[in-house]
Amino acid sequence: MRQVKQKPVPLWHESIQGAAAITKGLLLVHFANVLVNTMGYGPAEPLTTDPQSIESARLLKLTPDAIAEIHNELCELMLVRGFSA
């Protein structure tokens, strides 16, 4: 039987559909990617997706308060590091 190599987690950062295994690491990478893209870091136009509505946030059981806290901490980190959206 021929084994199919699974793509590394970062290659699924934009969509977890089709991944051979939905791991916690994959969920974290996917959620982080969506969050930073909604903040304006990434594509030319920020995503309008609500981070609370994505599958990875639901599977990670992230509450609106947790997402807001992550968002605020990320804003601070990006400011300290000199990145702007």
C-alpha atoms as a PDB file:
ATOM      1  CA  MET A   1       0.000   0.000   0.000  1.00  0.00           C
ATOM      2  CA  ARG A   2       1.326   3.431  -0.949  1.00  0.00           C
ATOM      3  CA  GLN A   3       1.338   6.027   1.809  1.00  0.00           C
ATOM      4  CA  VAL A   4       0.369   9.586   1.022  1.00  0.00           C
ATOM      5  CA  LYS A   5       2.550  12.179   2.686  1.00  0.00           C
ATOM      6  CA  GLN A   6       0.605  14.679   4.702  1.00  0.00           C
ATOM      7  CA  LYS A   7       1.418  18.323   4.007  1.00  0.00           C
ATOM      8  CA  PRO A   8       3.117  20.141   6.882  1.00  0.00           C
ATOM      9  CA  VAL A   9       0.770  22.136   9.139  1.00  0.00           C
ATOM     10  CA  PRO A  10       1.731  25.590   7.763  1.00  0.00           C
ATOM     11  CA  LEU A  11       0.574  24.572   4.289  1.00  0.00           C
ATOM     12  CA  TRP A  12      -2.998  24.297   5.598  1.00  0.00           C
ATOM     13  CA  HIS A  13      -3.009  27.748   7.216  1.00  0.00           C
ATOM     14  CA  GLU A  14      -5.626  29.147   4.845  1.00  0.00           C
ATOM     15  CA  SER A  15      -8.029  26.218   4.869  1.00  0.00           C
ATOM     16  CA  ILE A  16      -8.222  23.151   7.074  1.00  0.00           C
ATOM     17  CA  GLN A  17     -10.618  21.401   4.701  1.00  0.00           C
ATOM     18  CA  GLY A  18      -8.869  18.450   3.146  1.00  0.00           C
ATOM     19  CA  ALA A  19      -6.212  18.031   5.832  1.00  0.00           C
ATOM     20  CA  ALA A  20      -5.579  14.370   6.619  1.00  0.00           C
ATOM     21  CA  ALA A  21      -5.660  15.095  10.345  1.00  0.00           C
ATOM     22  CA  ILE A  22      -7.112  18.062  12.179  1.00  0.00           C
ATOM     23  CA  THR A  23      -4.592  18.536  14.970  1.00  0.00           C
ATOM     24  CA  LYS A  24      -4.535  21.193  17.662  1.00  0.00           C
ATOM     25  CA  GLY A  25      -1.443  22.644  15.982  1.00  0.00           C
ATOM     26  CA  LEU A  26      -3.285  22.931  12.684  1.00  0.00           C
ATOM     27  CA  LEU A  27      -6.242  24.603  14.379  1.00  0.00           C
ATOM     28  CA  LEU A  28      -3.945  27.119  16.090  1.00  0.00           C
ATOM     29  CA  VAL A  29      -2.109  27.974  12.869  1.00  0.00           C
ATOM     30  CA  HIS A  30      -5.390  28.345  10.955  1.00  0.00           C
ATOM     31  CA  PHE A  31      -6.976  30.527  13.641  1.00  0.00           C
ATOM     32  CA  ALA A  32      -3.871  32.721  13.908  1.00  0.00           C
ATOM     33  CA  ASN A  33      -3.778  33.165  10.136  1.00  0.00           C
ATOM     34  CA  VAL A  34      -7.421  34.244   9.978  1.00  0.00           C
ATOM     35  CA  LEU A  35      -7.009  36.581  12.963  1.00  0.00           C
ATOM     36  CA  VAL A  36      -3.968  38.415  11.576  1.00  0.00           C
ATOM     37  CA  ASN A  37      -5.604  38.680   8.159  1.00  0.00           C
ATOM     38  CA  THR A  38      -8.715  40.292   9.705  1.00  0.00           C
ATOM     39  CA  MET A  39      -6.374  42.749  11.427  1.00  0.00           C
ATOM     40  CA  GLY A  40      -4.870  43.817   8.105  1.00  0.00           C
ATOM     41  CA  TYR A  41      -1.637  41.819   8.239  1.00  0.00           C
ATOM     42  CA  GLY A  42      -1.501  39.738   5.110  1.00  0.00           C
ATOM     43  CA  PRO A  43      -3.468  40.235   1.899  1.00  0.00           C
ATOM     44  CA  ALA A  44      -3.852  43.746   0.498  1.00  0.00           C
ATOM     45  CA  GLU A  45      -7.441  43.841   1.722  1.00  0.00           C
ATOM     46  CA  PRO A  46      -8.144  42.641   5.282  1.00  0.00           C
ATOM     47  CA  LEU A  47     -10.498  39.696   5.595  1.00  0.00           C
ATOM     48  CA  THR A  48     -13.977  40.555   6.787  1.00  0.00           C
ATOM     49  CA  THR A  49     -14.457  37.146   8.396  1.00  0.00           C
ATOM     50  CA  ASP A  50     -15.473  37.192  12.045  1.00  0.00           C
ATOM     51  CA  PRO A  51     -12.777  35.134  13.831  1.00  0.00           C
ATOM     52  CA  GLN A  52     -15.455  33.800  16.212  1.00  0.00           C
ATOM     53  CA  SER A  53     -17.301  32.204  13.295  1.00  0.00           C
ATOM     54  CA  ILE A  54     -14.493  30.093  11.872  1.00  0.00           C
ATOM     55  CA  GLU A  55     -14.287  26.367  12.402  1.00  0.00           C
ATOM     56  CA  SER A  56     -10.885  26.433  14.078  1.00  0.00           C
ATOM     57  CA  ALA A  57     -12.119  28.881  16.761  1.00  0.00           C
ATOM     58  CA  ARG A  58     -15.116  26.642  17.418  1.00  0.00           C
ATOM     59  CA  LEU A  59     -13.017  23.473  17.613  1.00  0.00           C
ATOM     60  CA  LEU A  60     -10.526  25.205  19.922  1.00  0.00           C
ATOM     61  CA  LYS A  61     -13.505  26.303  22.047  1.00  0.00           C
ATOM     62  CA  LEU A  62     -12.374  29.930  21.975  1.00  0.00           C
ATOM     63  CA  THR A  63     -14.818  32.272  23.658  1.00  0.00           C
ATOM     64  CA  PRO A  64     -15.431  35.817  22.431  1.00  0.00           C
ATOM     65  CA  ASP A  65     -13.509  37.067  25.492  1.00  0.00           C
ATOM     66  CA  ALA A  66     -10.544  34.807  24.716  1.00  0.00           C
ATOM     67  CA  ILE A  67     -10.494  35.945  21.093  1.00  0.00           C
ATOM     68  CA  ALA A  68     -10.628  39.609  22.173  1.00  0.00           C
ATOM     69  CA  GLU A  69      -7.746  39.022  24.593  1.00  0.00           C
ATOM     70  CA  ILE A  70      -5.658  37.308  21.896  1.00  0.00           C
ATOM     71  CA  HIS A  71      -6.465  40.163  19.503  1.00  0.00           C
ATOM     72  CA  ASN A  72      -5.391  42.803  22.026  1.00  0.00           C
ATOM     73  CA  GLU A  73      -2.166  40.990  22.903  1.00  0.00           C
ATOM     74  CA  LEU A  74      -1.349  40.581  19.230  1.00  0.00           C
ATOM     75  CA  CYS A  75      -1.961  44.294  18.607  1.00  0.00           C
ATOM     76  CA  GLU A  76       0.460  45.159  21.415  1.00  0.00           C
ATOM     77  CA  LEU A  77       3.066  42.709  20.130  1.00  0.00           C
ATOM     78  CA  MET A  78       2.864  44.023  16.576  1.00  0.00           C
ATOM     79  CA  LEU A  79       3.157  47.622  17.819  1.00  0.00           C
ATOM     80  CA  VAL A  80       6.212  46.803  19.947  1.00  0.00           C
ATOM     81  CA  ARG A  81       7.827  44.984  17.023  1.00  0.00           C
ATOM     82  CA  GLY A  82       7.167  47.940  14.701  1.00  0.00           C
ATOM     83  CA  PHE A  83       4.699  46.240  12.362  1.00  0.00           C
ATOM     84  CA  SER A  84       1.740  48.152  11.021  1.00  0.00           C
ATOM     85  CA  ALA A  85      -1.330  46.922   9.221  1.00  0.00           C
END
